[in-house]
């Protein structure tokens, strides 16, 4: 068994792409438009996983944008997504400059929790060992 993807419903595709690509740094792999069903799927991957994701169609975050806003409901949301980052404190500072909703700052040098534009909890974890604890 292997993990293929996680799909989340998005209400504002521009805002979501800005968040996931420009702020978090994911890379857009592909975009599929389904005219008759009236939705678009955009596949994203973390930079370190992009080659593997393209080759295997796995480790992908898919954003589903329904053209009819009445389709998206709160029940179509993911519960949480986790990403590993090189420097939890630099990442946290970047998030603050973009007014991202922070649920839990990285007080422990290892983890921070934020909310996406769709109110999905995003867990950011420090790569390797925790960083020194800082007062935030």
N, C-alpha and C. Protein backbone atom coordinates (compact mmCIF):
# COMPACT_ATOMS: atom_id res chain seq x y z
N UNK A 1 0.84 -1.16 0.00
CA UNK A 1 0.00 0.00 0.00
C UNK A 1 0.90 1.24 0.00
N UNK A 2 0.46 2.31 -0.68
CA UNK A 2 1.19 3.56 -0.65
C UNK A 2 0.20 4.72 -0.66
N UNK A 3 0.62 5.82 -0.09
CA UNK A 3 -0.20 7.02 -0.05
C UNK A 3 -0.14 7.70 -1.41
N UNK A 4 -1.31 8.09 -1.96
CA UNK A 4 -1.34 8.75 -3.26
C UNK A 4 -1.52 10.25 -3.14
N UNK A 5 -2.63 10.68 -2.50
CA UNK A 5 -2.88 12.11 -2.43
C UNK A 5 -3.89 12.42 -1.35
N UNK A 6 -3.98 13.71 -1.06
CA UNK A 6 -5.01 14.25 -0.19
C UNK A 6 -5.66 15.37 -0.98
N UNK A 7 -6.98 15.32 -1.11
CA UNK A 7 -7.70 16.35 -1.84
C UNK A 7 -8.49 17.19 -0.86
N UNK A 8 -8.36 18.50 -1.01
CA UNK A 8 -9.18 19.40 -0.19
C UNK A 8 -9.96 20.32 -1.12
N UNK A 9 -11.15 20.66 -0.68
CA UNK A 9 -11.99 21.59 -1.43
C UNK A 9 -11.59 23.01 -1.09
N UNK A 10 -11.46 23.85 -2.11
CA UNK A 10 -11.10 25.24 -1.89
C UNK A 10 -12.19 26.14 -2.45
N UNK A 11 -12.43 27.25 -1.78
CA UNK A 11 -13.46 28.18 -2.22
C UNK A 11 -12.90 29.32 -3.06
N UNK A 12 -11.64 29.68 -2.83
CA UNK A 12 -11.00 30.78 -3.56
C UNK A 12 -9.66 30.26 -4.07
N UNK A 13 -9.61 29.90 -5.35
CA UNK A 13 -8.43 29.24 -5.89
C UNK A 13 -7.20 30.14 -5.88
N UNK A 14 -7.37 31.44 -6.14
CA UNK A 14 -6.22 32.35 -6.13
C UNK A 14 -5.62 32.45 -4.74
N UNK A 15 -6.48 32.62 -3.74
CA UNK A 15 -6.02 32.73 -2.36
C UNK A 15 -5.34 31.43 -1.91
N UNK A 16 -5.92 30.31 -2.29
CA UNK A 16 -5.35 29.01 -1.91
C UNK A 16 -4.00 28.77 -2.58
N UNK A 17 -3.89 29.08 -3.87
CA UNK A 17 -2.61 28.91 -4.55
C UNK A 17 -1.55 29.84 -3.99
N UNK A 18 -1.95 31.06 -3.65
CA UNK A 18 -1.00 31.99 -3.02
C UNK A 18 -0.49 31.39 -1.71
N UNK A 19 -1.39 30.86 -0.90
CA UNK A 19 -1.01 30.28 0.39
C UNK A 19 -0.09 29.07 0.20
N UNK A 20 -0.54 28.08 -0.56
CA UNK A 20 0.22 26.83 -0.68
C UNK A 20 1.51 26.99 -1.49
N UNK A 21 1.50 27.79 -2.57
CA UNK A 21 2.68 27.92 -3.43
C UNK A 21 3.59 29.07 -3.01
N UNK A 22 3.05 30.26 -2.89
CA UNK A 22 3.90 31.43 -2.61
C UNK A 22 4.33 31.52 -1.15
N UNK A 23 3.47 31.13 -0.23
CA UNK A 23 3.81 31.25 1.18
C UNK A 23 4.47 29.96 1.71
N UNK A 24 3.82 28.81 1.49
CA UNK A 24 4.41 27.55 1.98
C UNK A 24 5.48 27.00 1.05
N UNK A 25 5.45 27.35 -0.22
CA UNK A 25 6.50 26.92 -1.13
C UNK A 25 6.24 25.64 -1.91
N UNK A 26 4.99 25.16 -1.95
CA UNK A 26 4.70 23.98 -2.75
C UNK A 26 4.79 24.32 -4.23
N UNK A 27 4.93 23.30 -5.05
CA UNK A 27 5.08 23.46 -6.50
C UNK A 27 3.86 22.88 -7.19
N UNK A 28 3.33 23.63 -8.16
CA UNK A 28 2.20 23.11 -8.95
C UNK A 28 2.73 22.09 -9.94
N UNK A 29 2.17 20.87 -9.89
CA UNK A 29 2.58 19.80 -10.80
C UNK A 29 1.70 19.73 -12.03
N UNK A 30 0.40 19.91 -11.83
CA UNK A 30 -0.53 19.80 -12.95
C UNK A 30 -1.84 20.48 -12.60
N UNK A 31 -2.62 20.71 -13.66
CA UNK A 31 -3.93 21.32 -13.51
C UNK A 31 -4.87 20.64 -14.50
N UNK A 32 -5.96 20.10 -13.98
CA UNK A 32 -6.94 19.43 -14.83
C UNK A 32 -8.28 20.14 -14.69
N UNK A 33 -8.91 20.43 -15.82
CA UNK A 33 -10.21 21.09 -15.82
C UNK A 33 -11.24 20.11 -16.36
N UNK A 34 -12.33 19.97 -15.62
CA UNK A 34 -13.41 19.07 -15.99
C UNK A 34 -14.64 19.93 -16.32
N UNK A 35 -14.77 20.26 -17.62
CA UNK A 35 -15.81 21.18 -18.07
C UNK A 35 -17.21 20.69 -17.72
N UNK A 36 -17.52 19.43 -18.00
CA UNK A 36 -18.89 18.95 -17.79
C UNK A 36 -19.25 18.85 -16.31
N UNK A 37 -18.28 18.55 -15.47
CA UNK A 37 -18.54 18.46 -14.02
C UNK A 37 -18.29 19.78 -13.31
N UNK A 38 -17.72 20.76 -14.02
CA UNK A 38 -17.54 22.13 -13.54
C UNK A 38 -16.63 22.24 -12.31
N UNK A 39 -15.45 21.62 -12.41
CA UNK A 39 -14.45 21.79 -11.36
C UNK A 39 -13.05 21.66 -11.94
N UNK A 40 -12.08 22.13 -11.17
CA UNK A 40 -10.67 22.07 -11.54
C UNK A 40 -9.91 21.39 -10.41
N UNK A 41 -8.97 20.53 -10.76
CA UNK A 41 -8.07 19.89 -9.79
C UNK A 41 -6.65 20.39 -10.07
N UNK A 42 -6.02 20.94 -9.04
CA UNK A 42 -4.63 21.39 -9.15
C UNK A 42 -3.80 20.52 -8.20
N UNK A 43 -2.80 19.84 -8.75
CA UNK A 43 -1.94 18.96 -7.96
C UNK A 43 -0.67 19.70 -7.56
N UNK A 44 -0.35 19.63 -6.27
CA UNK A 44 0.82 20.30 -5.70
C UNK A 44 1.70 19.28 -4.99
N UNK A 45 2.97 19.62 -4.86
CA UNK A 45 3.90 18.77 -4.09
C UNK A 45 4.94 19.66 -3.44
N UNK A 46 5.51 19.16 -2.36
CA UNK A 46 6.63 19.85 -1.71
C UNK A 46 7.83 19.77 -2.65
N UNK A 47 8.68 20.82 -2.66
CA UNK A 47 9.83 20.81 -3.57
C UNK A 47 10.69 19.55 -3.48
N UNK A 48 10.93 19.07 -2.28
CA UNK A 48 11.77 17.88 -2.12
C UNK A 48 11.09 16.60 -2.58
N UNK A 49 9.77 16.64 -2.77
CA UNK A 49 9.01 15.47 -3.20
C UNK A 49 8.54 15.57 -4.65
N UNK A 50 8.79 16.69 -5.32
CA UNK A 50 8.20 16.96 -6.63
C UNK A 50 8.58 15.90 -7.68
N UNK A 51 9.83 15.56 -7.78
CA UNK A 51 10.24 14.57 -8.79
C UNK A 51 9.58 13.22 -8.52
N UNK A 52 9.61 12.80 -7.27
CA UNK A 52 8.98 11.53 -6.89
C UNK A 52 7.48 11.58 -7.14
N UNK A 53 6.85 12.69 -6.79
CA UNK A 53 5.40 12.84 -6.97
C UNK A 53 5.03 12.75 -8.45
N UNK A 54 5.81 13.39 -9.32
CA UNK A 54 5.52 13.32 -10.76
C UNK A 54 5.68 11.90 -11.29
N UNK A 55 6.73 11.24 -10.83
CA UNK A 55 7.03 9.90 -11.32
C UNK A 55 6.01 8.87 -10.85
N UNK A 56 5.55 8.99 -9.61
CA UNK A 56 4.71 7.95 -9.01
C UNK A 56 3.26 8.37 -8.80
N UNK A 57 2.93 9.63 -9.07
CA UNK A 57 1.59 10.16 -8.78
C UNK A 57 1.21 9.96 -7.32
N UNK A 58 2.19 10.14 -6.44
CA UNK A 58 1.93 10.00 -5.01
C UNK A 58 2.52 11.20 -4.26
N UNK A 59 2.21 11.29 -2.99
CA UNK A 59 2.65 12.39 -2.13
C UNK A 59 2.17 13.73 -2.67
N UNK A 60 0.94 13.77 -3.12
CA UNK A 60 0.39 14.96 -3.77
C UNK A 60 -0.74 15.55 -2.93
N UNK A 61 -0.75 16.88 -2.86
CA UNK A 61 -1.87 17.62 -2.30
C UNK A 61 -2.67 18.15 -3.48
N UNK A 62 -3.93 17.76 -3.53
CA UNK A 62 -4.78 18.20 -4.64
C UNK A 62 -5.80 19.22 -4.13
N UNK A 63 -5.87 20.34 -4.83
CA UNK A 63 -6.86 21.36 -4.52
C UNK A 63 -8.00 21.20 -5.52
N UNK A 64 -9.20 21.01 -4.99
CA UNK A 64 -10.37 20.88 -5.87
C UNK A 64 -11.18 22.17 -5.77
N UNK A 65 -11.30 22.82 -6.91
CA UNK A 65 -12.06 24.07 -6.97
C UNK A 65 -13.33 23.84 -7.78
N UNK A 66 -14.48 23.85 -7.09
CA UNK A 66 -15.77 23.72 -7.76
C UNK A 66 -16.21 25.10 -8.23
N UNK A 67 -16.57 25.20 -9.50
CA UNK A 67 -16.92 26.48 -10.08
C UNK A 67 -18.22 27.04 -9.49
N UNK A 68 -19.06 26.15 -8.98
CA UNK A 68 -20.32 26.57 -8.36
C UNK A 68 -20.10 26.62 -6.86
N UNK A 69 -20.07 27.80 -6.26
CA UNK A 69 -19.72 27.94 -4.83
C UNK A 69 -20.66 27.19 -3.88
N UNK A 70 -21.87 26.88 -4.29
CA UNK A 70 -22.80 26.17 -3.41
C UNK A 70 -22.38 24.73 -3.17
N UNK A 71 -21.51 24.18 -4.00
CA UNK A 71 -21.09 22.78 -3.89
C UNK A 71 -20.20 22.56 -2.67
N UNK A 72 -19.30 23.50 -2.39
CA UNK A 72 -18.32 23.32 -1.32
C UNK A 72 -19.00 23.50 0.03
N UNK A 73 -18.82 22.50 0.87
CA UNK A 73 -19.36 22.57 2.23
C UNK A 73 -18.24 22.32 3.22
N UNK A 74 -18.50 22.63 4.47
CA UNK A 74 -17.49 22.40 5.50
C UNK A 74 -17.15 20.93 5.67
N UNK A 75 -18.03 20.04 5.25
CA UNK A 75 -17.76 18.61 5.39
C UNK A 75 -16.77 18.11 4.35
N UNK A 76 -16.43 18.93 3.36
CA UNK A 76 -15.49 18.52 2.32
C UNK A 76 -14.06 18.89 2.69
N UNK A 77 -13.81 19.31 3.90
CA UNK A 77 -12.48 19.77 4.29
C UNK A 77 -11.63 18.62 4.84
N UNK A 78 -10.32 18.76 4.66
CA UNK A 78 -9.38 17.83 5.28
C UNK A 78 -9.25 18.19 6.76
N UNK A 79 -8.81 17.27 7.57
CA UNK A 79 -8.63 17.54 9.00
C UNK A 79 -7.31 18.22 9.29
N UNK A 80 -6.22 17.71 8.73
CA UNK A 80 -4.92 18.34 8.92
C UNK A 80 -3.94 17.84 7.87
N UNK A 81 -2.91 18.65 7.64
CA UNK A 81 -1.84 18.32 6.72
C UNK A 81 -0.53 18.63 7.45
N UNK A 82 0.47 17.79 7.30
CA UNK A 82 1.77 18.02 7.95
C UNK A 82 2.87 18.19 6.91
N UNK A 83 3.76 19.15 7.17
CA UNK A 83 4.92 19.39 6.32
C UNK A 83 6.15 19.50 7.21
N UNK A 84 7.28 19.04 6.69
CA UNK A 84 8.57 19.20 7.36
C UNK A 84 9.24 20.45 6.78
N UNK A 85 9.83 21.27 7.65
CA UNK A 85 10.49 22.50 7.20
C UNK A 85 11.95 22.52 7.68
N UNK A 86 12.79 23.25 6.96
CA UNK A 86 14.21 23.34 7.28
C UNK A 86 14.46 24.14 8.56
N UNK A 87 13.73 25.23 8.74
CA UNK A 87 13.93 26.12 9.89
C UNK A 87 12.57 26.61 10.38
N UNK A 88 12.11 26.06 11.48
CA UNK A 88 10.77 26.36 11.99
C UNK A 88 10.59 27.84 12.33
N UNK A 89 11.64 28.48 12.83
CA UNK A 89 11.52 29.88 13.21
C UNK A 89 11.48 30.81 12.00
N UNK A 90 12.30 30.55 10.99
CA UNK A 90 12.24 31.35 9.75
C UNK A 90 10.88 31.18 9.08
N UNK A 91 10.41 29.96 9.06
CA UNK A 91 9.09 29.70 8.48
C UNK A 91 8.01 30.45 9.24
N UNK A 92 8.09 30.42 10.55
CA UNK A 92 7.11 31.12 11.40
C UNK A 92 7.14 32.62 11.12
N UNK A 93 8.32 33.20 11.02
CA UNK A 93 8.44 34.63 10.73
C UNK A 93 7.82 34.97 9.36
N UNK A 94 8.06 34.12 8.38
CA UNK A 94 7.47 34.33 7.05
C UNK A 94 5.95 34.30 7.12
N UNK A 95 5.42 33.37 7.88
CA UNK A 95 3.96 33.27 8.03
C UNK A 95 3.39 34.53 8.65
N UNK A 96 4.09 35.07 9.64
CA UNK A 96 3.62 36.29 10.31
C UNK A 96 3.58 37.47 9.34
N UNK A 97 4.54 37.54 8.42
CA UNK A 97 4.55 38.66 7.46
C UNK A 97 3.39 38.59 6.48
N UNK A 98 2.79 37.41 6.37
CA UNK A 98 1.65 37.23 5.46
C UNK A 98 0.32 37.17 6.21
N UNK A 99 0.33 37.52 7.49
CA UNK A 99 -0.90 37.52 8.31
C UNK A 99 -1.62 36.17 8.30
N UNK A 100 -0.87 35.10 8.36
CA UNK A 100 -1.45 33.75 8.44
C UNK A 100 -1.95 33.51 9.86
N UNK A 101 -3.09 32.86 9.98
CA UNK A 101 -3.67 32.55 11.28
C UNK A 101 -2.85 31.45 11.96
N UNK A 102 -2.11 31.83 13.00
CA UNK A 102 -1.28 30.88 13.74
C UNK A 102 -2.06 30.37 14.95
N UNK A 103 -2.23 29.07 15.03
CA UNK A 103 -2.93 28.45 16.16
C UNK A 103 -1.96 28.26 17.32
N UNK A 104 -0.76 27.79 16.99
CA UNK A 104 0.26 27.51 18.01
C UNK A 104 1.63 27.90 17.47
N UNK A 105 2.28 28.90 18.08
CA UNK A 105 3.63 29.27 17.65
C UNK A 105 4.63 28.15 17.98
N UNK A 106 5.81 28.18 17.37
CA UNK A 106 6.80 27.11 17.59
C UNK A 106 7.59 27.30 18.88
N UNK A 107 6.91 27.37 19.98
CA UNK A 107 7.57 27.61 21.27
C UNK A 107 8.57 26.52 21.64
N UNK A 108 8.32 25.31 21.16
CA UNK A 108 9.17 24.18 21.54
C UNK A 108 10.32 23.93 20.56
N UNK A 109 10.45 24.78 19.52
CA UNK A 109 11.52 24.60 18.55
C UNK A 109 11.28 23.47 17.58
N UNK A 110 10.07 22.90 17.58
CA UNK A 110 9.82 21.73 16.76
C UNK A 110 8.54 21.83 15.91
N UNK A 111 7.52 22.47 16.42
CA UNK A 111 6.22 22.41 15.76
C UNK A 111 5.46 23.71 15.87
N UNK A 112 4.77 24.06 14.78
CA UNK A 112 3.81 25.16 14.80
C UNK A 112 2.55 24.72 14.06
N UNK A 113 1.43 25.25 14.47
CA UNK A 113 0.15 24.95 13.81
C UNK A 113 -0.43 26.23 13.25
N UNK A 114 -0.91 26.15 12.00
CA UNK A 114 -1.52 27.30 11.35
C UNK A 114 -2.81 26.85 10.68
N UNK A 115 -3.60 27.82 10.20
CA UNK A 115 -4.80 27.51 9.44
C UNK A 115 -4.63 27.97 8.00
N UNK A 116 -5.07 27.13 7.07
CA UNK A 116 -5.07 27.49 5.66
C UNK A 116 -6.27 28.41 5.38
N UNK A 117 -6.36 28.97 4.18
CA UNK A 117 -7.54 29.78 3.84
C UNK A 117 -8.85 28.99 3.95
N UNK A 118 -8.76 27.66 3.85
CA UNK A 118 -9.96 26.81 3.95
C UNK A 118 -10.20 26.32 5.37
N UNK A 119 -9.44 26.87 6.34
CA UNK A 119 -9.52 26.45 7.75
C UNK A 119 -9.09 25.02 7.98
N UNK A 120 -8.16 24.55 7.15
CA UNK A 120 -7.54 23.25 7.37
C UNK A 120 -6.34 23.48 8.27
N UNK A 121 -6.17 22.66 9.29
CA UNK A 121 -5.02 22.78 10.17
C UNK A 121 -3.78 22.27 9.45
N UNK A 122 -2.74 23.11 9.43
CA UNK A 122 -1.46 22.74 8.83
C UNK A 122 -0.44 22.63 9.96
N UNK A 123 0.19 21.46 10.06
CA UNK A 123 1.23 21.23 11.07
C UNK A 123 2.58 21.35 10.37
N UNK A 124 3.41 22.25 10.87
CA UNK A 124 4.76 22.41 10.34
C UNK A 124 5.74 21.88 11.37
N UNK A 125 6.56 20.92 10.96
CA UNK A 125 7.49 20.24 11.87
C UNK A 125 8.92 20.53 11.46
N UNK A 126 9.76 20.80 12.44
CA UNK A 126 11.19 21.05 12.21
C UNK A 126 11.85 19.78 11.71
N UNK A 127 12.61 19.91 10.63
CA UNK A 127 13.36 18.78 10.09
C UNK A 127 14.45 18.38 11.09
N UNK A 128 14.69 17.10 11.21
CA UNK A 128 15.72 16.55 12.09
C UNK A 128 15.44 16.88 13.56
N UNK A 129 16.41 17.43 14.25
CA UNK A 129 16.28 17.71 15.68
C UNK A 129 15.57 19.04 15.92
N UNK A 130 14.87 19.17 17.06
CA UNK A 130 14.25 20.46 17.39
C UNK A 130 15.31 21.56 17.49
N UNK A 131 14.90 22.77 17.16
CA UNK A 131 15.78 23.93 17.30
C UNK A 131 15.76 24.37 18.75
N UNK A 132 16.72 25.20 19.17
CA UNK A 132 16.70 25.70 20.55
C UNK A 132 15.39 26.43 20.83
N UNK A 133 14.87 26.25 22.03
CA UNK A 133 13.62 26.89 22.43
C UNK A 133 13.81 28.39 22.51
N UNK A 134 12.84 29.13 21.94
CA UNK A 134 12.90 30.58 21.95
C UNK A 134 11.62 31.13 22.57
N UNK A 135 11.73 32.28 23.17
CA UNK A 135 10.52 32.96 23.67
C UNK A 135 9.87 33.69 22.52
N UNK A 136 8.65 33.29 22.22
CA UNK A 136 7.93 33.91 21.10
C UNK A 136 6.69 34.59 21.64
